[in-house]
PDB file of N, CA and C in Angstrom:
ATOM      1  N   MET A   1     -15.302 -51.376 -21.286  1.00  0.00           N
ATOM      2  CA  MET A   1     -13.986 -50.879 -19.997  1.00  0.00           C
ATOM      3  C   MET A   1     -14.636 -51.589 -19.114  1.00  0.00           C
ATOM      4  N   ALA A   2     -13.721 -52.598 -18.807  1.00  0.00           N
ATOM      5  CA  ALA A   2     -13.931 -53.398 -17.885  1.00  0.00           C
ATOM      6  C   ALA A   2     -13.435 -53.017 -16.330  1.00  0.00           C
ATOM      7  N   SER A   3     -14.224 -53.193 -15.332  1.00  0.00           N
ATOM      8  CA  SER A   3     -13.476 -52.873 -13.977  1.00  0.00           C
ATOM      9  C   SER A   3     -12.549 -53.971 -13.232  1.00  0.00           C
ATOM     10  N   LEU A   4     -11.880 -53.673 -12.644  1.00  0.00           N
ATOM     11  CA  LEU A   4     -10.872 -54.534 -12.141  1.00  0.00           C
ATOM     12  C   LEU A   4     -10.942 -54.157 -10.359  1.00  0.00           C
ATOM     13  N   LEU A   5     -10.686 -55.079  -9.423  1.00  0.00           N
ATOM     14  CA  LEU A   5     -10.391 -55.348  -8.170  1.00  0.00           C
ATOM     15  C   LEU A   5      -9.045 -55.553  -8.008  1.00  0.00           C
ATOM     16  N   PRO A   6      -8.697 -54.857  -6.733  1.00  0.00           N
ATOM     17  CA  PRO A   6      -7.188 -55.459  -6.121  1.00  0.00           C
ATOM     18  C   PRO A   6      -6.924 -56.841  -6.394  1.00  0.00           C
ATOM     19  N   THR A   7      -5.959 -57.213  -6.370  1.00  0.00           N
ATOM     20  CA  THR A   7      -6.037 -58.799  -6.506  1.00  0.00           C
ATOM     21  C   THR A   7      -5.898 -59.579  -5.667  1.00  0.00           C
ATOM     22  N   PRO A   8      -5.704 -58.819  -4.122  1.00  0.00           N
ATOM     23  CA  PRO A   8      -5.810 -59.816  -2.979  1.00  0.00           C
ATOM     24  C   PRO A   8      -7.445 -59.766  -2.573  1.00  0.00           C
ATOM     25  N   ASP A   9      -8.248 -59.508  -3.532  1.00  0.00           N
ATOM     26  CA  ASP A   9      -9.732 -59.487  -3.067  1.00  0.00           C
ATOM     27  C   ASP A   9     -10.327 -60.682  -4.129  1.00  0.00           C
ATOM     28  N   ILE A  10      -9.965 -61.465  -5.141  1.00  0.00           N
ATOM     29  CA  ILE A  10     -10.131 -62.115  -6.153  1.00  0.00           C
ATOM     30  C   ILE A  10      -9.873 -63.408  -5.955  1.00  0.00           C
ATOM     31  N   ILE A  11     -10.574 -64.358  -6.117  1.00  0.00           N
ATOM     32  CA  ILE A  11     -10.702 -65.809  -5.719  1.00  0.00           C
ATOM     33  C   ILE A  11     -10.626 -66.462  -7.444  1.00  0.00           C
ATOM     34  N   TYR A  12      -9.379 -66.344  -7.708  1.00  0.00           N
ATOM     35  CA  TYR A  12      -9.359 -66.850  -9.052  1.00  0.00           C
ATOM     36  C   TYR A  12      -9.578 -68.573  -9.311  1.00  0.00           C
ATOM     37  N   ALA A  13      -9.963 -68.953 -10.550  1.00  0.00           N
ATOM     38  CA  ALA A  13     -10.259 -70.292 -10.525  1.00  0.00           C
ATOM     39  C   ALA A  13      -9.095 -71.228 -10.397  1.00  0.00           C
ATOM     40  N   ALA A  14      -8.108 -70.679 -11.171  1.00  0.00           N
ATOM     41  CA  ALA A  14      -6.846 -71.092 -11.313  1.00  0.00           C
ATOM     42  C   ALA A  14      -5.813 -70.130 -10.696  1.00  0.00           C
ATOM     43  N   HIS A  15      -4.871 -70.322 -10.180  1.00  0.00           N
ATOM     44  CA  HIS A  15      -3.751 -69.482  -9.477  1.00  0.00           C
ATOM     45  C   HIS A  15      -3.263 -69.010 -10.963  1.00  0.00           C
ATOM     46  N   PRO A  16      -3.500 -67.471 -11.501  1.00  0.00           N
ATOM     47  CA  PRO A  16      -2.659 -66.891 -12.343  1.00  0.00           C
ATOM     48  C   PRO A  16      -1.141 -67.164 -12.349  1.00  0.00           C
ATOM     49  N   ALA A  17      -0.698 -67.421 -13.514  1.00  0.00           N
ATOM     50  CA  ALA A  17       1.075 -67.782 -13.972  1.00  0.00           C
ATOM     51  C   ALA A  17       1.530 -66.412 -13.557  1.00  0.00           C
ATOM     52  N   LYS A  18       0.860 -65.223 -13.784  1.00  0.00           N
ATOM     53  CA  LYS A  18       1.720 -64.128 -13.210  1.00  0.00           C
ATOM     54  C   LYS A  18       0.663 -63.135 -12.409  1.00  0.00           C
ATOM     55  N   PRO A  19       0.605 -63.501 -11.055  1.00  0.00           N
ATOM     56  CA  PRO A  19      -1.006 -62.583 -10.754  1.00  0.00           C
ATOM     57  C   PRO A  19      -0.527 -60.908 -10.186  1.00  0.00           C
ATOM     58  N   GLY A  20       0.960 -60.995 -10.208  1.00  0.00           N
ATOM     59  CA  GLY A  20       0.958 -59.201 -10.014  1.00  0.00           C
ATOM     60  C   GLY A  20       1.319 -58.873  -8.318  1.00  0.00           C
ATOM     61  N   ALA A  21       1.613 -57.777  -8.198  1.00  0.00           N
ATOM     62  CA  ALA A  21       1.920 -57.622  -6.772  1.00  0.00           C
ATOM     63  C   ALA A  21       0.972 -57.438  -5.954  1.00  0.00           C
ATOM     64  N   SER A  22       0.868 -56.958  -4.831  1.00  0.00           N
ATOM     65  CA  SER A  22      -0.558 -57.092  -3.915  1.00  0.00           C
ATOM     66  C   SER A  22      -1.255 -55.619  -4.014  1.00  0.00           C
ATOM     67  N   LEU A  23      -0.581 -54.696  -4.825  1.00  0.00           N
ATOM     68  CA  LEU A  23      -1.563 -53.672  -5.055  1.00  0.00           C
ATOM     69  C   LEU A  23      -1.692 -53.594  -6.595  1.00  0.00           C
ATOM     70  N   SER A  24      -1.406 -54.442  -6.865  1.00  0.00           N
ATOM     71  CA  SER A  24      -2.037 -54.383  -8.420  1.00  0.00           C
ATOM     72  C   SER A  24      -3.740 -54.790  -8.448  1.00  0.00           C
ATOM     73  N   ASN A  25      -4.172 -54.992  -9.730  1.00  0.00           N
ATOM     74  CA  ASN A  25      -5.530 -55.407  -9.743  1.00  0.00           C
ATOM     75  C   ASN A  25      -5.683 -56.573 -11.056  1.00  0.00           C
ATOM     76  N   GLY A  26      -6.726 -56.818 -10.840  1.00  0.00           N
ATOM     77  CA  GLY A  26      -7.177 -58.101 -11.850  1.00  0.00           C
ATOM     78  C   GLY A  26      -8.680 -58.404 -11.871  1.00  0.00           C
ATOM     79  N   GLY A  27      -9.028 -59.434 -12.931  1.00  0.00           N
ATOM     80  CA  GLY A  27     -10.247 -59.626 -12.600  1.00  0.00           C
ATOM     81  C   GLY A  27     -10.824 -61.055 -13.544  1.00  0.00           C
ATOM     82  N   ILE A  28     -12.202 -61.322 -13.470  1.00  0.00           N
ATOM     83  CA  ILE A  28     -12.214 -62.672 -14.094  1.00  0.00           C
ATOM     84  C   ILE A  28     -13.632 -62.345 -14.956  1.00  0.00           C
ATOM     85  N   PHE A  29     -13.419 -62.714 -16.267  1.00  0.00           N
ATOM     86  CA  PHE A  29     -14.602 -62.865 -17.005  1.00  0.00           C
ATOM     87  C   PHE A  29     -15.131 -63.783 -17.784  1.00  0.00           C
ATOM     88  N   ALA A  30     -16.332 -63.843 -18.089  1.00  0.00           N
ATOM     89  CA  ALA A  30     -16.987 -64.968 -18.859  1.00  0.00           C
ATOM     90  C   ALA A  30     -17.140 -64.865 -20.145  1.00  0.00           C
ATOM     91  N   PHE A  31     -16.920 -65.755 -20.926  1.00  0.00           N
ATOM     92  CA  PHE A  31     -17.480 -65.484 -22.410  1.00  0.00           C
ATOM     93  C   PHE A  31     -17.733 -66.977 -23.047  1.00  0.00           C
ATOM     94  N   ASN A  32     -18.248 -67.263 -23.911  1.00  0.00           N
ATOM     95  CA  ASN A  32     -18.567 -68.628 -24.716  1.00  0.00           C
ATOM     96  C   ASN A  32     -18.118 -68.328 -25.937  1.00  0.00           C
ATOM     97  N   VAL A  33     -17.759 -69.509 -26.752  1.00  0.00           N
ATOM     98  CA  VAL A  33     -17.213 -69.807 -27.858  1.00  0.00           C
ATOM     99  C   VAL A  33     -18.194 -70.823 -28.402  1.00  0.00           C
ATOM    100  N   ARG A  34     -19.145 -70.275 -29.305  1.00  0.00           N
ATOM    101  CA  ARG A  34     -20.291 -71.053 -30.257  1.00  0.00           C
ATOM    102  C   ARG A  34     -19.419 -71.885 -31.450  1.00  0.00           C
ATOM    103  N   THR A  35     -18.368 -71.340 -31.894  1.00  0.00           N
ATOM    104  CA  THR A  35     -17.849 -71.967 -33.163  1.00  0.00           C
ATOM    105  C   THR A  35     -16.229 -71.975 -32.987  1.00  0.00           C
ATOM    106  N   PRO A  36     -15.849 -73.301 -33.459  1.00  0.00           N
ATOM    107  CA  PRO A  36     -14.262 -73.263 -32.846  1.00  0.00           C
ATOM    108  C   PRO A  36     -13.454 -72.696 -34.185  1.00  0.00           C
ATOM    109  N   GLY A  37     -12.614 -72.569 -33.183  1.00  0.00           N
ATOM    110  CA  GLY A  37     -11.509 -71.481 -34.266  1.00  0.00           C
ATOM    111  C   GLY A  37     -10.623 -70.554 -33.204  1.00  0.00           C
ATOM    112  N   ARG A  38     -10.032 -69.638 -33.818  1.00  0.00           N
ATOM    113  CA  ARG A  38      -9.095 -68.701 -33.510  1.00  0.00           C
ATOM    114  C   ARG A  38      -9.637 -67.644 -32.467  1.00  0.00           C
ATOM    115  N   TYR A  39      -9.273 -67.296 -31.475  1.00  0.00           N
ATOM    116  CA  TYR A  39      -9.847 -66.227 -30.657  1.00  0.00           C
ATOM    117  C   TYR A  39      -8.802 -65.175 -30.289  1.00  0.00           C
ATOM    118  N   ARG A  40      -8.880 -63.834 -30.484  1.00  0.00           N
ATOM    119  CA  ARG A  40      -7.990 -62.916 -29.919  1.00  0.00           C
ATOM    120  C   ARG A  40      -8.460 -62.262 -28.944  1.00  0.00           C
ATOM    121  N   VAL A  41      -7.719 -62.148 -27.502  1.00  0.00           N
ATOM    122  CA  VAL A  41      -8.020 -61.545 -26.590  1.00  0.00           C
ATOM    123  C   VAL A  41      -7.122 -60.096 -26.774  1.00  0.00           C
ATOM    124  N   VAL A  42      -7.669 -58.918 -26.617  1.00  0.00           N
ATOM    125  CA  VAL A  42      -7.084 -57.782 -26.758  1.00  0.00           C
ATOM    126  C   VAL A  42      -7.512 -56.859 -25.809  1.00  0.00           C
ATOM    127  N   LEU A  43      -5.891 -56.116 -25.111  1.00  0.00           N
ATOM    128  CA  LEU A  43      -5.831 -55.348 -24.021  1.00  0.00           C
ATOM    129  C   LEU A  43      -5.505 -54.056 -24.422  1.00  0.00           C
ATOM    130  N   GLY A  44      -6.152 -53.119 -23.553  1.00  0.00           N
ATOM    131  CA  GLY A  44      -5.282 -51.581 -23.895  1.00  0.00           C
ATOM    132  C   GLY A  44      -4.584 -51.321 -22.937  1.00  0.00           C
ATOM    133  N   ALA A  45      -3.978 -52.150 -21.845  1.00  0.00           N
ATOM    134  CA  ALA A  45      -2.714 -52.205 -21.257  1.00  0.00           C
ATOM    135  C   ALA A  45      -1.888 -53.161 -20.747  1.00  0.00           C
ATOM    136  N   PRO A  46      -0.951 -53.090 -20.341  1.00  0.00           N
ATOM    137  CA  PRO A  46       0.153 -54.437 -19.604  1.00  0.00           C
ATOM    138  C   PRO A  46      -0.891 -55.240 -18.661  1.00  0.00           C
ATOM    139  N   ALA A  47      -0.993 -56.354 -18.744  1.00  0.00           N
ATOM    140  CA  ALA A  47      -1.534 -57.488 -17.687  1.00  0.00           C
ATOM    141  C   ALA A  47      -1.179 -58.789 -18.104  1.00  0.00           C
ATOM    142  N   TRP A  48      -1.685 -59.482 -17.548  1.00  0.00           N
ATOM    143  CA  TRP A  48      -1.153 -60.712 -17.709  1.00  0.00           C
ATOM    144  C   TRP A  48      -2.495 -61.473 -17.944  1.00  0.00           C
ATOM    145  N   ILE A  49      -3.139 -62.058 -18.850  1.00  0.00           N
ATOM    146  CA  ILE A  49      -4.254 -63.139 -18.845  1.00  0.00           C
ATOM    147  C   ILE A  49      -3.924 -64.648 -18.989  1.00  0.00           C
ATOM    148  N   ASP A  50      -4.766 -65.279 -18.586  1.00  0.00           N
ATOM    149  CA  ASP A  50      -5.032 -66.894 -18.720  1.00  0.00           C
ATOM    150  C   ASP A  50      -6.532 -67.160 -19.211  1.00  0.00           C
ATOM    151  N   VAL A  51      -6.727 -67.627 -20.249  1.00  0.00           N
ATOM    152  CA  VAL A  51      -7.977 -68.305 -20.703  1.00  0.00           C
ATOM    153  C   VAL A  51      -8.190 -69.434 -20.123  1.00  0.00           C
ATOM    154  N   LEU A  52      -9.366 -69.870 -19.254  1.00  0.00           N
ATOM    155  CA  LEU A  52      -9.329 -70.923 -18.978  1.00  0.00           C
ATOM    156  C   LEU A  52     -10.763 -72.315 -19.400  1.00  0.00           C
ATOM    157  N   ASN A  53     -10.839 -73.136 -19.482  1.00  0.00           N
ATOM    158  CA  ASN A  53     -11.679 -74.051 -19.624  1.00  0.00           C
ATOM    159  C   ASN A  53     -11.864 -75.017 -18.604  1.00  0.00           C
ATOM    160  N   GLY A  54     -12.872 -74.179 -17.519  1.00  0.00           N
ATOM    161  CA  GLY A  54     -12.893 -74.919 -16.086  1.00  0.00           C
ATOM    162  C   GLY A  54     -11.957 -74.551 -15.429  1.00  0.00           C
ATOM    163  N   THR A  55     -11.066 -75.294 -14.830  1.00  0.00           N
ATOM    164  CA  THR A  55      -9.511 -74.703 -14.761  1.00  0.00           C
ATOM    165  C   THR A  55      -8.437 -75.173 -15.100  1.00  0.00           C
ATOM    166  N   THR A  56      -8.409 -75.669 -16.152  1.00  0.00           N
ATOM    167  CA  THR A  56      -7.749 -75.992 -17.219  1.00  0.00           C
ATOM    168  C   THR A  56      -7.108 -74.389 -18.129  1.00  0.00           C
ATOM    169  N   PRO A  57      -5.709 -74.083 -18.262  1.00  0.00           N
ATOM    170  CA  PRO A  57      -5.510 -73.122 -18.991  1.00  0.00           C
ATOM    171  C   PRO A  57      -5.297 -73.492 -20.581  1.00  0.00           C
ATOM    172  N   ALA A  58      -5.889 -72.540 -21.117  1.00  0.00           N
ATOM    173  CA  ALA A  58      -5.481 -72.904 -22.671  1.00  0.00           C
ATOM    174  C   ALA A  58      -4.275 -72.646 -22.901  1.00  0.00           C
ATOM    175  N   VAL A  59      -3.379 -72.935 -24.168  1.00  0.00           N
ATOM    176  CA  VAL A  59      -2.400 -72.573 -24.568  1.00  0.00           C
ATOM    177  C   VAL A  59      -2.607 -71.384 -25.650  1.00  0.00           C
ATOM    178  N   SER A  60      -1.619 -70.403 -25.664  1.00  0.00           N
ATOM    179  CA  SER A  60      -1.570 -69.211 -26.647  1.00  0.00           C
ATOM    180  C   SER A  60      -0.790 -69.831 -27.494  1.00  0.00           C
ATOM    181  N   VAL A  61      -1.469 -69.204 -28.858  1.00  0.00           N
ATOM    182  CA  VAL A  61      -0.567 -69.576 -29.982  1.00  0.00           C
ATOM    183  C   VAL A  61      -0.052 -68.521 -30.930  1.00  0.00           C
ATOM    184  N   ALA A  62      -0.426 -67.365 -30.463  1.00  0.00           N
ATOM    185  CA  ALA A  62       0.620 -66.038 -30.751  1.00  0.00           C
ATOM    186  C   ALA A  62       0.319 -65.117 -29.951  1.00  0.00           C
ATOM    187  N   HIS A  63       1.298 -64.078 -30.054  1.00  0.00           N
ATOM    188  CA  HIS A  63       1.436 -62.714 -29.065  1.00  0.00           C
ATOM    189  C   HIS A  63       1.605 -61.432 -30.147  1.00  0.00           C
ATOM    190  N   ASP A  64       1.286 -60.626 -29.921  1.00  0.00           N
ATOM    191  CA  ASP A  64       1.498 -59.412 -30.499  1.00  0.00           C
ATOM    192  C   ASP A  64       1.106 -58.303 -30.062  1.00  0.00           C
ATOM    193  N   HIS A  65       1.216 -56.980 -30.169  1.00  0.00           N
ATOM    194  CA  HIS A  65       0.836 -55.876 -30.016  1.00  0.00           C
ATOM    195  C   HIS A  65      -0.050 -54.911 -30.888  1.00  0.00           C
ATOM    196  N   GLY A  66      -0.744 -53.843 -30.655  1.00  0.00           N
ATOM    197  CA  GLY A  66      -1.464 -53.316 -31.684  1.00  0.00           C
ATOM    198  C   GLY A  66      -0.248 -52.257 -32.176  1.00  0.00           C
ATOM    199  N   PRO A  67      -0.926 -51.592 -33.626  1.00  0.00           N
ATOM    200  CA  PRO A  67      -0.359 -50.549 -34.153  1.00  0.00           C
ATOM    201  C   PRO A  67       0.034 -49.102 -33.257  1.00  0.00           C
ATOM    202  N   ASP A  68       1.521 -48.478 -33.213  1.00  0.00           N
ATOM    203  CA  ASP A  68       1.464 -47.422 -32.547  1.00  0.00           C
ATOM    204  C   ASP A  68       0.201 -46.621 -32.400  1.00  0.00           C
ATOM    205  N   CYS A  69       0.192 -46.071 -31.371  1.00  0.00           N
ATOM    206  CA  CYS A  69      -1.164 -45.082 -31.361  1.00  0.00           C
ATOM    207  C   CYS A  69      -2.492 -45.715 -31.654  1.00  0.00           C
ATOM    208  N   SER A  70      -2.512 -47.080 -31.340  1.00  0.00           N
ATOM    209  CA  SER A  70      -3.986 -47.710 -31.309  1.00  0.00           C
ATOM    210  C   SER A  70      -4.712 -47.745 -30.234  1.00  0.00           C
ATOM    211  N   GLY A  71      -3.871 -47.911 -29.131  1.00  0.00           N
ATOM    212  CA  GLY A  71      -4.706 -48.111 -27.992  1.00  0.00           C
ATOM    213  C   GLY A  71      -4.626 -49.419 -27.341  1.00  0.00           C
ATOM    214  N   ILE A  72      -4.023 -50.254 -28.588  1.00  0.00           N
ATOM    215  CA  ILE A  72      -4.227 -51.904 -28.247  1.00  0.00           C
ATOM    216  C   ILE A  72      -2.564 -52.168 -27.749  1.00  0.00           C
ATOM    217  N   ARG A  73      -2.357 -52.538 -26.336  1.00  0.00           N
ATOM    218  CA  ARG A  73      -1.168 -52.700 -25.938  1.00  0.00           C
ATOM    219  C   ARG A  73      -0.923 -54.529 -26.005  1.00  0.00           C
ATOM    220  N   LYS A  74      -1.931 -55.233 -25.943  1.00  0.00           N
ATOM    221  CA  LYS A  74      -1.514 -56.642 -26.000  1.00  0.00           C
ATOM    222  C   LYS A  74      -2.686 -57.684 -27.158  1.00  0.00           C
ATOM    223  N   MET A  75      -2.153 -58.429 -27.395  1.00  0.00           N
ATOM    224  CA  MET A  75      -3.172 -59.371 -28.453  1.00  0.00           C
ATOM    225  C   MET A  75      -2.657 -60.905 -28.340  1.00  0.00           C
ATOM    226  N   VAL A  76      -3.201 -61.758 -27.501  1.00  0.00           N
ATOM    227  CA  VAL A  76      -2.880 -62.776 -27.821  1.00  0.00           C
ATOM    228  C   VAL A  76      -4.181 -64.016 -28.104  1.00  0.00           C
ATOM    229  N   ASP A  77      -3.284 -64.846 -29.197  1.00  0.00           N
ATOM    230  CA  ASP A  77      -4.423 -65.572 -29.647  1.00  0.00           C
ATOM    231  C   ASP A  77      -4.718 -66.907 -28.924  1.00  0.00           C
ATOM    232  N   PHE A  78      -5.480 -67.819 -29.064  1.00  0.00           N
ATOM    233  CA  PHE A  78      -5.810 -69.142 -28.590  1.00  0.00           C
ATOM    234  C   PHE A  78      -6.963 -70.109 -29.589  1.00  0.00           C
ATOM    235  N   ASP A  79      -6.381 -70.998 -29.708  1.00  0.00           N
ATOM    236  CA  ASP A  79      -7.361 -71.745 -30.711  1.00  0.00           C
ATOM    237  C   ASP A  79      -8.289 -72.580 -29.695  1.00  0.00           C
ATOM    238  N   LEU A  80      -9.762 -72.216 -29.766  1.00  0.00           N
ATOM    239  CA  LEU A  80     -10.942 -72.662 -28.910  1.00  0.00           C
ATOM    240  C   LEU A  80     -11.926 -73.403 -29.573  1.00  0.00           C
ATOM    241  N   LYS A  81     -12.537 -74.369 -28.554  1.00  0.00           N
ATOM    242  CA  LYS A  81     -13.619 -75.452 -29.242  1.00  0.00           C
ATOM    243  C   LYS A  81     -14.491 -74.743 -28.143  1.00  0.00           C
ATOM    244  N   PRO A  82     -15.620 -75.030 -28.981  1.00  0.00           N
ATOM    245  CA  PRO A  82     -17.099 -74.747 -28.539  1.00  0.00           C
ATOM    246  C   PRO A  82     -16.662 -74.488 -26.816  1.00  0.00           C
ATOM    247  N   GLY A  83     -17.523 -73.764 -26.142  1.00  0.00           N
ATOM    248  CA  GLY A  83     -17.678 -74.227 -24.709  1.00  0.00           C
ATOM    249  C   GLY A  83     -17.471 -72.522 -24.240  1.00  0.00           C
ATOM    250  N   ARG A  84     -17.784 -72.828 -22.704  1.00  0.00           N
ATOM    251  CA  ARG A  84     -17.609 -71.657 -21.559  1.00  0.00           C
ATOM    252  C   ARG A  84     -16.279 -71.578 -21.375  1.00  0.00           C
ATOM    253  N   TYR A  85     -15.986 -70.215 -21.176  1.00  0.00           N
ATOM    254  CA  TYR A  85     -14.152 -69.866 -20.889  1.00  0.00           C
ATOM    255  C   TYR A  85     -14.174 -68.793 -20.113  1.00  0.00           C
ATOM    256  N   LEU A  86     -13.433 -68.961 -18.975  1.00  0.00           N
ATOM    257  CA  LEU A  86     -13.105 -67.747 -18.311  1.00  0.00           C
ATOM    258  C   LEU A  86     -11.554 -66.822 -18.787  1.00  0.00           C
ATOM    259  N   LEU A  87     -11.844 -65.745 -18.566  1.00  0.00           N
ATOM    260  CA  LEU A  87     -10.180 -64.610 -19.084  1.00  0.00           C
ATOM    261  C   LEU A  87     -10.343 -63.772 -17.599  1.00  0.00           C
ATOM    262  N   GLN A  88      -8.956 -64.424 -17.206  1.00  0.00           N
ATOM    263  CA  GLN A  88      -8.507 -63.862 -16.088  1.00  0.00           C
ATOM    264  C   GLN A  88      -7.862 -63.254 -16.179  1.00  0.00           C
ATOM    265  N   VAL A  89      -7.547 -61.669 -15.492  1.00  0.00           N
ATOM    266  CA  VAL A  89      -6.707 -60.591 -15.914  1.00  0.00           C
ATOM    267  C   VAL A  89      -5.781 -60.642 -14.510  1.00  0.00           C
ATOM    268  N   SER A  90      -4.524 -60.324 -14.465  1.00  0.00           N
ATOM    269  CA  SER A  90      -3.656 -59.898 -13.389  1.00  0.00           C
ATOM    270  C   SER A  90      -2.792 -59.037 -13.630  1.00  0.00           C
ATOM    271  N   GLY A  91      -2.319 -58.409 -12.730  1.00  0.00           N
ATOM    272  CA  GLY A  91      -0.993 -57.696 -12.586  1.00  0.00           C
ATOM    273  C   GLY A  91      -1.384 -56.275 -13.436  1.00  0.00           C
ATOM    274  N   ASN A  92      -2.278 -56.025 -13.540  1.00  0.00           N
ATOM    275  CA  ASN A  92      -2.711 -54.403 -14.079  1.00  0.00           C
ATOM    276  C   ASN A  92      -2.554 -53.676 -13.049  1.00  0.00           C
ATOM    277  N   SER A  93      -2.073 -52.467 -13.527  1.00  0.00           N
ATOM    278  CA  SER A  93      -1.705 -51.109 -12.502  1.00  0.00           C
ATOM    279  C   SER A  93      -3.012 -50.452 -12.231  1.00  0.00           C
ATOM    280  N   ALA A  94      -4.031 -50.262 -12.946  1.00  0.00           N
ATOM    281  CA  ALA A  94      -5.369 -49.177 -12.979  1.00  0.00           C
ATOM    282  C   ALA A  94      -6.563 -50.213 -12.662  1.00  0.00           C
ATOM    283  N   THR A  95      -7.334 -49.793 -12.039  1.00  0.00           N
ATOM    284  CA  THR A  95      -8.752 -50.456 -12.017  1.00  0.00           C
ATOM    285  C   THR A  95      -9.789 -50.554 -12.967  1.00  0.00           C
ATOM    286  N   THR A  96      -9.793 -49.696 -14.120  1.00  0.00           N
ATOM    287  CA  THR A  96     -10.346 -50.166 -15.521  1.00  0.00           C
ATOM    288  C   THR A  96      -8.860 -50.603 -16.461  1.00  0.00           C
ATOM    289  N   LEU A  97      -9.817 -51.505 -17.612  1.00  0.00           N
ATOM    290  CA  LEU A  97      -8.879 -52.062 -18.686  1.00  0.00           C
ATOM    291  C   LEU A  97      -9.858 -51.955 -19.571  1.00  0.00           C
ATOM    292  N   ALA A  98      -9.495 -51.883 -20.751  1.00  0.00           N
ATOM    293  CA  ALA A  98     -10.162 -51.923 -22.340  1.00  0.00           C
ATOM    294  C   ALA A  98      -9.927 -53.322 -22.658  1.00  0.00           C
ATOM    295  N   LEU A  99     -10.735 -53.843 -22.970  1.00  0.00           N
ATOM    296  CA  LEU A  99     -10.437 -55.677 -22.967  1.00  0.00           C
ATOM    297  C   LEU A  99     -11.515 -56.294 -24.212  1.00  0.00           C
ATOM    298  N   MET A 100     -10.868 -56.692 -24.950  1.00  0.00           N
ATOM    299  CA  MET A 100     -11.905 -57.523 -26.086  1.00  0.00           C
ATOM    300  C   MET A 100     -11.576 -59.012 -26.494  1.00  0.00           C
ATOM    301  N   VAL A 101     -12.628 -59.781 -26.461  1.00  0.00           N
ATOM    302  CA  VAL A 101     -12.197 -61.216 -27.147  1.00  0.00           C
ATOM    303  C   VAL A 101     -12.979 -61.487 -28.582  1.00  0.00           C
ATOM    304  N   ALA A 102     -12.668 -61.637 -29.538  1.00  0.00           N
ATOM    305  CA  ALA A 102     -13.013 -61.885 -30.776  1.00  0.00           C
ATOM    306  C   ALA A 102     -12.307 -62.941 -31.356  1.00  0.00           C
ATOM    307  N   HIS A 103     -13.339 -63.704 -32.372  1.00  0.00           N
ATOM    308  CA  HIS A 103     -12.838 -64.482 -33.329  1.00  0.00           C
ATOM    309  C   HIS A 103     -12.146 -63.797 -34.510  1.00  0.00           C
ATOM    310  N   ALA A 104     -10.697 -64.396 -34.552  1.00  0.00           N
ATOM    311  CA  ALA A 104      -9.919 -63.826 -35.047  1.00  0.00           C
ATOM    312  C   ALA A 104      -9.230 -64.702 -36.553  1.00  0.00           C
ATOM    313  N   PRO A 105      -9.200 -64.172 -37.363  1.00  0.00           N
ATOM    314  CA  PRO A 105      -8.545 -64.533 -38.614  1.00  0.00           C
ATOM    315  C   PRO A 105      -7.538 -65.358 -38.790  1.00  0.00           C
ATOM    316  N   THR A 106      -7.211 -66.437 -39.156  1.00  0.00           N
ATOM    317  CA  THR A 106      -6.669 -67.686 -39.064  1.00  0.00           C
ATOM    318  C   THR A 106      -5.170 -66.733 -40.146  1.00  0.00           C
ATOM    319  N   SER A 107      -5.638 -66.346 -41.306  1.00  0.00           N
ATOM    320  CA  SER A 107      -4.776 -65.993 -42.077  1.00  0.00           C
ATOM    321  C   SER A 107      -5.498 -64.461 -42.751  1.00  0.00           C
ATOM    322  N   ILE A 108      -4.506 -63.358 -43.332  1.00  0.00           N
ATOM    323  CA  ILE A 108      -4.990 -62.486 -43.956  1.00  0.00           C
ATOM    324  C   ILE A 108      -4.573 -62.473 -45.463  1.00  0.00           C
ATOM    325  N   SER A 109      -5.496 -62.237 -46.375  1.00  0.00           N
ATOM    326  CA  SER A 109      -4.820 -62.617 -47.784  1.00  0.00           C
ATOM    327  C   SER A 109      -5.533 -60.982 -48.283  1.00  0.00           C
ATOM    328  N   ALA A 110      -4.892 -60.523 -49.437  1.00  0.00           N
ATOM    329  CA  ALA A 110      -4.945 -59.231 -49.640  1.00  0.00           C
ATOM    330  C   ALA A 110      -5.441 -59.254 -51.419  1.00  0.00           C
ATOM    331  N   LYS A 111      -5.975 -58.704 -51.745  1.00  0.00           N
ATOM    332  CA  LYS A 111      -6.257 -59.244 -53.682  1.00  0.00           C
ATOM    333  C   LYS A 111      -5.805 -57.261 -53.823  1.00  0.00           C
ATOM    334  N   ILE A 112      -4.944 -57.544 -54.915  1.00  0.00           N
ATOM    335  CA  ILE A 112      -4.175 -56.044 -55.727  1.00  0.00           C
ATOM    336  C   ILE A 112      -4.998 -56.299 -57.120  1.00  0.00           C
TER     337      ILE A 112
END
């Protein structure tokens, strides 16, 4: 669970595409990518996210939501190279947010 601050109290590395209202909350979180590939940002509530390499936003390659009753509200995939990234969250109504960044499969195959 990540703690968020009121939006006016945050100095973002790059202006969020959707910063939210003055009463919304957000935060900045750092993560490292060691292996190139697809990474998924998962949120437990609605919010806007930006993944930055320095101040350059990464381009999302897929969007989805989790299964009903899963607690997963939003999933956004990015193809990332090794390096340090910032995850900027904005526009959340609560002061806490379940979030995760994980290496994501590029395809799913099943054996029958």
